[in-house]
């Protein structure tokens, strides 16, 4: 039996008004079931692409080797692996091969040393080529791109790179990016991951690399659905006012969602404007679509939102859901951080600090359980500290990474 994601609704209030327009905040929660079978997992087809430019010298390259070695040691003999390294030149030290010669592969990884400049796109392209040679429907195909610097050799245009990454994704090869330190281009690396239907990681310290690789590999193994999207069709003159996650859209106007990973949940947070109603009826039809990794088919399921109708006086007595309030606040804070980053990019450090401080004060004043927003306040304090101590590059990367995670319901 194939897995079936469960869709549930968590409204701010569990009703709408009969006599006034209702502004309704809502969580649509997609829960992916745990894998409850001992059946052998799908084989992997991985391409590791590792920056070996001069700035990787020292513990960065050391932990990159360690992380890559960890990945190799987790593979089954039926999995495929390739290893590409790049600076201003591209070298495939392990052409795509079955992972049944681990000692040979590990020795190749141990030989990686830091050297020159950063031909990021060309490195990705060669790694992608290795994966594409064995792009088979029964495999989970992914390129993992690791870099600590800027793309300064070869193709450097972010739009051109994203277009090519997206093209490969449509053919079943996704891309994850890992940026190390404070000197890489986070907009480019995040853009590649979004275009490539993979994940993006900001790694502040190279010592985090093995754990990040472990999380990524476990996520790939547990992937049950890819190319996930959700369509929102409002009915009965209901208006879609906002989708707080600020997700990219597909060419058909649906919202792109992260891969469906066994045991994970994703929260889509939206605001609706519901007209006066005389009786309960379907307000919105949600259409979830994804490529099922087991059946190799496109799956589509629908869920309809319908709520009781009461008078506005009665609705005023209904309790508000604290989780919905907290989620709306969190995603509004991501927008404040985004505005702060734009101010920073303009050189307006004072304005950046003001916007972050405003957002913190808004959180402190918000009528919601403090435990639910305490982590947000701690993150904001950390961003302000970075800004006040001249660590603007670190602050920018942290803010962008926090936003990326919040919008995709990643812890």
Protein backbone atom coordinates (compact mmCIF):
# COMPACT_ATOMS: atom_id res chain seq x y z
CA UNK A 1 0.00 0.00 0.00
CA UNK A 2 1.41 3.40 -0.97
CA UNK A 3 1.67 6.22 1.51
CA UNK A 4 -1.10 8.82 1.64
CA UNK A 5 -0.37 12.23 3.20
CA UNK A 6 -3.04 13.42 5.63
CA UNK A 7 -4.42 16.95 5.28
CA UNK A 8 -5.94 18.63 8.33
CA UNK A 9 -7.20 22.16 8.98
CA UNK A 10 -6.53 24.25 12.07
CA UNK A 11 -8.58 27.50 11.92
CA UNK A 12 -8.04 30.49 14.18
CA UNK A 13 -11.68 30.08 15.25
CA UNK A 14 -13.72 27.02 14.48
CA UNK A 15 -16.57 28.88 12.74
CA UNK A 16 -17.41 31.81 10.47
CA UNK A 17 -19.99 34.56 10.95
CA UNK A 18 -23.41 34.66 9.35
CA UNK A 19 -23.89 38.42 9.55
CA UNK A 20 -20.43 40.01 8.99
CA UNK A 21 -17.38 39.31 6.86
CA UNK A 22 -14.96 36.95 8.65
CA UNK A 23 -11.19 37.29 8.36
CA UNK A 24 -10.00 33.75 8.95
CA UNK A 25 -6.40 32.68 9.57
CA UNK A 26 -5.81 29.02 8.95
CA UNK A 27 -3.14 26.33 9.09
CA UNK A 28 -3.36 23.63 6.45
CA UNK A 29 -1.23 20.80 7.81
CA UNK A 30 0.17 18.04 5.62
CA UNK A 31 1.34 15.05 7.66
CA UNK A 32 3.41 12.39 5.95
CA UNK A 33 3.13 8.97 7.60
CA UNK A 34 6.09 7.12 9.03
CA UNK A 35 7.47 4.26 6.97
CA UNK A 36 6.06 1.13 8.64
CA UNK A 37 7.64 -1.48 6.43
CA UNK A 38 10.90 -3.38 6.42
CA UNK A 39 10.89 -3.39 2.63
CA UNK A 40 14.23 -2.38 1.14
CA UNK A 41 14.42 1.33 0.36
CA UNK A 42 14.81 2.76 -3.12
CA UNK A 43 18.43 2.83 -4.30
CA UNK A 44 20.19 6.20 -4.29
CA UNK A 45 22.07 7.94 -7.07
CA UNK A 46 24.18 10.65 -5.42
CA UNK A 47 26.60 13.15 -6.85
CA UNK A 48 28.82 14.88 -4.27
CA UNK A 49 30.25 18.17 -5.56
CA UNK A 50 32.89 19.62 -3.23
CA UNK A 51 34.54 23.03 -3.35
CA UNK A 52 38.33 22.65 -3.08
CA UNK A 53 39.20 26.32 -3.63
CA UNK A 54 41.91 27.93 -1.51
CA UNK A 55 39.49 29.30 1.10
CA UNK A 56 38.52 25.72 2.02
CA UNK A 57 42.01 25.17 3.46
CA UNK A 58 42.13 23.91 7.05
CA UNK A 59 39.18 22.51 8.96
CA UNK A 60 36.65 23.24 6.19
CA UNK A 61 38.21 20.77 3.79
CA UNK A 62 38.90 18.38 6.67
CA UNK A 63 35.23 18.27 7.68
CA UNK A 64 34.09 18.19 4.05
CA UNK A 65 36.14 15.00 3.63
CA UNK A 66 34.70 13.63 6.86
CA UNK A 67 31.12 14.41 5.80
CA UNK A 68 31.60 12.90 2.34
CA UNK A 69 33.12 9.79 3.90
CA UNK A 70 30.14 9.51 6.24
CA UNK A 71 27.78 9.64 3.25
CA UNK A 72 29.71 6.89 1.46
CA UNK A 73 29.67 4.65 4.53
CA UNK A 74 25.86 4.85 4.71
CA UNK A 75 25.33 3.64 1.15
CA UNK A 76 24.18 0.18 0.14
CA UNK A 77 25.98 -1.78 -2.54
CA UNK A 78 23.05 -1.08 -4.88
CA UNK A 79 23.44 2.71 -4.51
CA UNK A 80 25.47 4.83 -6.90
CA UNK A 81 27.92 7.60 -5.94
CA UNK A 82 30.13 10.07 -7.78
CA UNK A 83 32.52 12.66 -6.35
CA UNK A 84 33.41 15.84 -8.22
CA UNK A 85 35.81 18.46 -6.88
CA UNK A 86 36.26 21.95 -8.23
CA UNK A 87 38.26 25.14 -7.94
CA UNK A 88 39.02 26.93 -11.22
CA UNK A 89 39.25 23.43 -12.70
CA UNK A 90 36.84 20.52 -12.51
CA UNK A 91 37.93 17.01 -11.62
CA UNK A 92 35.78 13.90 -11.29
CA UNK A 93 37.77 11.87 -8.78
CA UNK A 94 35.08 9.17 -8.57
CA UNK A 95 33.00 8.73 -11.73
CA UNK A 96 29.50 7.43 -10.98
CA UNK A 97 29.90 3.91 -9.64
CA UNK A 98 28.09 1.39 -7.49
CA UNK A 99 28.94 1.84 -3.81
CA UNK A 100 30.37 -1.65 -3.46
CA UNK A 101 33.98 -0.40 -3.59
CA UNK A 102 33.91 1.82 -0.54
CA UNK A 103 37.61 1.61 0.30
CA UNK A 104 38.51 2.89 -3.18
CA UNK A 105 35.98 5.73 -2.91
CA UNK A 106 37.05 6.69 0.62
CA UNK A 107 40.71 6.81 -0.39
CA UNK A 108 39.82 9.17 -3.23
CA UNK A 109 37.95 11.43 -0.81
CA UNK A 110 40.93 11.44 1.60
CA UNK A 111 43.09 12.82 -1.22
CA UNK A 112 41.03 16.04 -1.60
CA UNK A 113 43.05 19.19 -0.81
CA UNK A 114 42.28 22.91 -1.15
CA UNK A 115 43.71 24.84 -4.09
CA UNK A 116 42.51 27.79 -6.23
CA UNK A 117 39.33 29.69 -7.31
CA UNK A 118 35.61 28.76 -7.44
CA UNK A 119 33.98 27.49 -10.65
CA UNK A 120 30.78 26.66 -8.77
CA UNK A 121 28.46 26.22 -11.74
CA UNK A 122 30.89 24.10 -13.74
CA UNK A 123 31.44 21.91 -10.68
CA UNK A 124 27.68 21.47 -10.22
CA UNK A 125 27.26 20.75 -13.94
CA UNK A 126 29.84 17.97 -13.92
CA UNK A 127 28.36 16.45 -10.77
CA UNK A 128 24.90 16.67 -12.32
CA UNK A 129 26.20 15.00 -15.48
CA UNK A 130 27.51 12.09 -13.42
CA UNK A 131 24.12 11.62 -11.76
CA UNK A 132 22.23 12.06 -15.05
CA UNK A 133 24.15 9.22 -16.69
CA UNK A 134 22.32 6.83 -14.37
CA UNK A 135 19.08 8.78 -13.91
CA UNK A 136 16.76 5.82 -13.51
CA UNK A 137 13.12 6.02 -12.33
CA UNK A 138 13.71 3.49 -9.56
CA UNK A 139 16.45 5.63 -7.98
CA UNK A 140 16.42 8.76 -5.82
CA UNK A 141 18.71 11.08 -7.78
CA UNK A 142 20.39 14.04 -6.08
CA UNK A 143 23.38 16.34 -6.44
CA UNK A 144 24.82 17.72 -3.18
CA UNK A 145 26.78 20.92 -3.80
CA UNK A 146 29.10 22.22 -1.09
CA UNK A 147 30.87 25.60 -1.24
CA UNK A 148 32.29 28.31 1.01
CA UNK A 149 32.75 31.01 -1.62
CA UNK A 150 31.40 33.02 -4.52
CA UNK A 151 31.03 31.71 -8.06
CA UNK A 152 33.86 33.66 -9.72
CA UNK A 153 34.88 31.43 -12.65
CA UNK A 154 32.68 30.23 -15.53
CA UNK A 155 28.91 30.84 -15.42
CA UNK A 156 28.12 33.23 -12.55
CA UNK A 157 24.66 34.57 -13.53
CA UNK A 158 22.21 33.39 -10.81
CA UNK A 159 19.20 33.34 -13.16
CA UNK A 160 21.01 31.25 -15.77
CA UNK A 161 22.26 28.84 -13.12
CA UNK A 162 18.79 28.51 -11.53
CA UNK A 163 17.20 27.87 -14.94
CA UNK A 164 19.59 25.02 -15.68
CA UNK A 165 19.20 23.53 -12.21
CA UNK A 166 15.41 23.66 -12.57
CA UNK A 167 15.62 21.99 -15.97
CA UNK A 168 17.52 19.08 -14.47
CA UNK A 169 15.03 18.86 -11.60
CA UNK A 170 12.19 18.41 -14.09
CA UNK A 171 14.05 15.35 -15.36
CA UNK A 172 14.23 13.79 -11.90
CA UNK A 173 17.60 15.01 -10.55
CA UNK A 174 17.28 17.32 -7.55
CA UNK A 175 19.99 19.54 -6.03
CA UNK A 176 20.82 20.33 -2.40
CA UNK A 177 23.25 23.13 -1.52
CA UNK A 178 25.42 23.61 1.56
CA UNK A 179 27.10 26.96 2.17
CA UNK A 180 29.94 27.09 4.70
CA UNK A 181 31.04 30.20 6.58
CA UNK A 182 30.21 33.81 5.76
CA UNK A 183 31.68 34.34 2.30
CA UNK A 184 29.40 32.35 -0.01
CA UNK A 185 26.48 33.85 -1.94
CA UNK A 186 23.43 32.76 0.06
CA UNK A 187 20.96 34.12 -2.50
CA UNK A 188 22.56 31.96 -5.19
CA UNK A 189 22.85 28.83 -3.03
CA UNK A 190 19.28 29.13 -1.76
CA UNK A 191 18.04 29.84 -5.27
CA UNK A 192 19.75 26.72 -6.60
CA UNK A 193 18.14 24.57 -3.89
CA UNK A 194 14.68 26.03 -4.52
CA UNK A 195 15.03 25.62 -8.28
CA UNK A 196 16.45 22.14 -7.81
CA UNK A 197 13.72 20.78 -5.50
CA UNK A 198 16.37 20.05 -2.86
CA UNK A 199 17.42 21.59 0.46
CA UNK A 200 19.58 24.55 1.46
CA UNK A 201 21.83 24.66 4.52
CA UNK A 202 23.81 27.50 6.05
CA UNK A 203 26.71 25.94 7.94
CA UNK A 204 28.32 28.43 10.32
CA UNK A 205 31.06 26.07 11.45
CA UNK A 206 32.64 23.30 9.40
CA UNK A 207 32.31 20.96 12.38
CA UNK A 208 28.56 20.87 11.64
CA UNK A 209 29.15 19.26 8.24
CA UNK A 210 28.97 15.57 9.23
CA UNK A 211 25.66 16.11 11.09
CA UNK A 212 24.23 18.11 8.18
CA UNK A 213 25.21 15.36 5.75
CA UNK A 214 23.59 12.81 8.05
CA UNK A 215 20.32 14.79 8.14
CA UNK A 216 20.34 15.26 4.37
CA UNK A 217 21.03 11.60 3.65
CA UNK A 218 18.31 10.43 6.03
CA UNK A 219 15.90 12.85 4.36
CA UNK A 220 16.74 11.55 0.89
CA UNK A 221 16.27 7.96 2.01
CA UNK A 222 12.88 8.83 3.57
CA UNK A 223 11.62 10.81 0.54
CA UNK A 224 8.17 9.57 -0.43
CA UNK A 225 7.06 12.38 -2.75
CA UNK A 226 8.79 14.92 -5.00
CA UNK A 227 7.69 17.87 -7.17
CA UNK A 228 5.05 18.65 -4.57
CA UNK A 229 2.54 21.44 -5.13
CA UNK A 230 -0.74 22.65 -3.73
CA UNK A 231 -3.50 24.44 -5.59
CA UNK A 232 -5.97 26.69 -3.76
CA UNK A 233 -9.44 27.17 -5.25
CA UNK A 234 -11.69 29.48 -3.27
CA UNK A 235 -15.46 28.96 -3.48
CA UNK A 236 -18.61 30.79 -2.36
CA UNK A 237 -16.99 34.22 -3.00
CA UNK A 238 -14.28 33.53 -0.43
CA UNK A 239 -11.09 35.56 -1.06
CA UNK A 240 -7.54 34.32 -0.53
CA UNK A 241 -5.94 37.31 1.18
CA UNK A 242 -2.49 35.96 2.00
CA UNK A 243 -0.24 32.91 1.99
CA UNK A 244 2.20 33.75 4.76
CA UNK A 245 4.83 31.18 3.69
CA UNK A 246 5.67 33.29 0.59
CA UNK A 247 6.32 30.19 -1.50
CA UNK A 248 7.35 30.11 -5.14
CA UNK A 249 4.70 29.11 -7.66
CA UNK A 250 4.64 26.53 -10.42
CA UNK A 251 4.04 27.47 -14.03
CA UNK A 252 0.36 26.65 -13.39
CA UNK A 253 0.07 29.07 -10.46
CA UNK A 254 0.12 26.45 -7.70
CA UNK A 255 2.40 26.74 -4.69
CA UNK A 256 5.62 24.71 -4.61
CA UNK A 257 6.05 22.67 -1.44
CA UNK A 258 9.06 20.78 -0.03
CA UNK A 259 9.49 17.07 -0.70
CA UNK A 260 7.26 14.73 1.29
CA UNK A 261 9.53 13.10 3.88
CA UNK A 262 8.30 10.19 6.00
CA UNK A 263 7.31 11.38 9.46
CA UNK A 264 7.45 15.09 8.59
CA UNK A 265 4.74 17.72 8.61
CA UNK A 266 4.35 20.88 6.56
CA UNK A 267 2.19 23.83 7.60
CA UNK A 268 0.74 26.17 4.99
CA UNK A 269 -0.48 29.31 6.75
CA UNK A 270 -3.05 31.46 4.99
CA UNK A 271 -5.65 34.16 5.50
CA UNK A 272 -9.12 34.06 4.00
CA UNK A 273 -11.87 36.65 3.78
CA UNK A 274 -15.21 34.87 4.11
CA UNK A 275 -18.43 36.71 3.16
CA UNK A 276 -21.62 36.52 5.20
CA UNK A 277 -23.20 33.07 4.97
CA UNK A 278 -26.60 31.64 5.72
CA UNK A 279 -25.42 28.04 5.96
CA UNK A 280 -22.25 25.99 6.15
CA UNK A 281 -20.68 25.19 2.79
CA UNK A 282 -17.30 24.40 1.24
CA UNK A 283 -15.09 27.49 1.42
CA UNK A 284 -11.90 26.28 -0.27
CA UNK A 285 -10.81 23.26 -2.27
CA UNK A 286 -7.14 22.35 -1.83
CA UNK A 287 -5.43 20.17 -4.43
CA UNK A 288 -2.24 18.38 -3.33
CA UNK A 289 -0.14 16.87 -6.14
CA UNK A 290 3.19 15.03 -6.04
CA UNK A 291 5.29 12.39 -7.75
CA UNK A 292 4.93 9.19 -5.71
CA UNK A 293 8.40 7.66 -5.40
CA UNK A 294 7.07 4.12 -4.93
CA UNK A 295 4.55 3.92 -7.77
CA UNK A 296 6.40 6.35 -10.07
CA UNK A 297 3.09 8.08 -10.81
CA UNK A 298 1.62 11.54 -10.26
CA UNK A 299 -0.75 11.47 -7.28
CA UNK A 300 -3.48 14.03 -6.66
CA UNK A 301 -5.72 14.39 -3.63
CA UNK A 302 -8.27 17.01 -2.59
CA UNK A 303 -9.34 18.41 0.77
CA UNK A 304 -12.23 20.82 1.32
CA UNK A 305 -12.51 23.37 4.09
CA UNK A 306 -15.98 23.70 5.62
CA UNK A 307 -16.80 25.39 8.93
CA UNK A 308 -19.94 25.95 11.01
CA UNK A 309 -21.81 29.25 10.60
CA UNK A 310 -22.76 31.23 13.72
CA UNK A 311 -23.69 34.83 14.50
CA UNK A 312 -20.89 37.33 14.97
CA UNK A 313 -21.89 37.70 18.62
CA UNK A 314 -21.49 33.97 19.15
CA UNK A 315 -18.26 33.87 17.12
CA UNK A 316 -16.79 36.53 19.42
CA UNK A 317 -17.03 34.05 22.29
CA UNK A 318 -15.08 31.36 20.44
CA UNK A 319 -11.47 30.89 21.64
CA UNK A 320 -8.61 31.66 19.26
CA UNK A 321 -6.18 28.87 18.48
CA UNK A 322 -2.79 29.76 19.96
CA UNK A 323 -0.83 27.71 17.43
CA UNK A 324 -2.40 29.56 14.51
CA UNK A 325 -1.61 32.92 16.11
CA UNK A 326 2.00 31.86 16.72
CA UNK A 327 2.46 30.60 13.14
CA UNK A 328 1.11 33.83 11.66
CA UNK A 329 3.44 35.80 13.91
CA UNK A 330 6.47 33.68 12.98
CA UNK A 331 5.88 34.12 9.27
CA UNK A 332 5.24 37.84 9.64
CA UNK A 333 8.60 38.01 11.43
CA UNK A 334 10.23 36.36 8.39
CA UNK A 335 8.92 39.27 6.33
CA UNK A 336 10.38 41.74 8.80
CA UNK A 337 13.75 39.97 8.54
CA UNK A 338 13.49 40.09 4.75
CA UNK A 339 12.89 43.84 4.87
CA UNK A 340 15.83 44.20 7.26
CA UNK A 341 18.06 42.33 4.78
CA UNK A 342 16.94 44.66 1.97
CA UNK A 343 17.88 47.66 4.11
CA UNK A 344 21.24 46.09 4.88
CA UNK A 345 21.86 45.54 1.16
CA UNK A 346 21.27 49.27 0.64
CA UNK A 347 23.91 50.03 3.27
CA UNK A 348 21.32 51.22 5.80
CA UNK A 349 22.65 49.52 8.93
CA UNK A 350 20.68 51.81 11.23
CA UNK A 351 17.45 51.07 9.35
CA UNK A 352 18.24 47.36 9.51
CA UNK A 353 18.55 47.49 13.26
CA UNK A 354 15.36 49.53 13.60
CA UNK A 355 13.37 46.99 11.59
CA UNK A 356 14.69 44.05 13.62
CA UNK A 357 14.01 45.88 16.88
CA UNK A 358 10.48 46.76 15.73
CA UNK A 359 9.81 43.11 14.93
CA UNK A 360 11.10 42.05 18.35
CA UNK A 361 8.84 44.57 20.09
CA UNK A 362 5.86 43.39 18.04
CA UNK A 363 6.55 39.83 19.16
CA UNK A 364 6.85 40.85 22.80
CA UNK A 365 3.50 42.66 22.62
CA UNK A 366 1.69 39.89 20.73
CA UNK A 367 -1.04 38.15 22.70
CA UNK A 368 0.16 34.59 22.39
CA UNK A 369 1.73 32.02 24.70
CA UNK A 370 5.32 33.20 25.33
CA UNK A 371 6.72 29.66 25.08
CA UNK A 372 5.61 29.56 21.45
CA UNK A 373 7.57 32.67 20.45
CA UNK A 374 10.53 32.47 22.84
CA UNK A 375 12.76 30.83 20.17
CA UNK A 376 11.86 33.64 17.73
CA UNK A 377 12.89 36.28 20.25
CA UNK A 378 16.18 34.48 20.92
CA UNK A 379 16.89 34.38 17.18
CA UNK A 380 16.14 38.09 16.88
CA UNK A 381 18.46 38.92 19.79
CA UNK A 382 21.21 36.95 18.06
CA UNK A 383 20.70 38.85 14.79
CA UNK A 384 20.83 42.17 16.64
CA UNK A 385 24.01 41.10 18.42
CA UNK A 386 25.65 40.18 15.10
CA UNK A 387 24.66 43.54 13.65
CA UNK A 388 25.95 45.46 16.67
CA UNK A 389 29.30 43.63 16.59
CA UNK A 390 29.94 44.23 12.89
CA UNK A 391 29.05 40.71 11.76
CA UNK A 392 26.65 41.85 9.05
CA UNK A 393 27.48 38.99 6.67
CA UNK A 394 26.71 36.46 9.38
CA UNK A 395 23.51 38.30 10.31
CA UNK A 396 22.32 38.30 6.71
CA UNK A 397 22.95 34.58 6.23
CA UNK A 398 21.30 33.66 9.52
CA UNK A 399 18.21 35.74 8.72
CA UNK A 400 17.87 34.24 5.25
CA UNK A 401 18.36 30.69 6.54
CA UNK A 402 15.85 31.20 9.35
CA UNK A 403 13.31 32.49 6.83
CA UNK A 404 13.96 29.55 4.50
CA UNK A 405 13.37 27.08 7.33
CA UNK A 406 10.24 28.78 8.71
CA UNK A 407 8.57 28.96 5.31
CA UNK A 408 9.23 25.26 4.72
CA UNK A 409 8.24 24.15 8.27
CA UNK A 410 11.79 23.00 8.94
CA UNK A 411 12.99 23.12 12.58
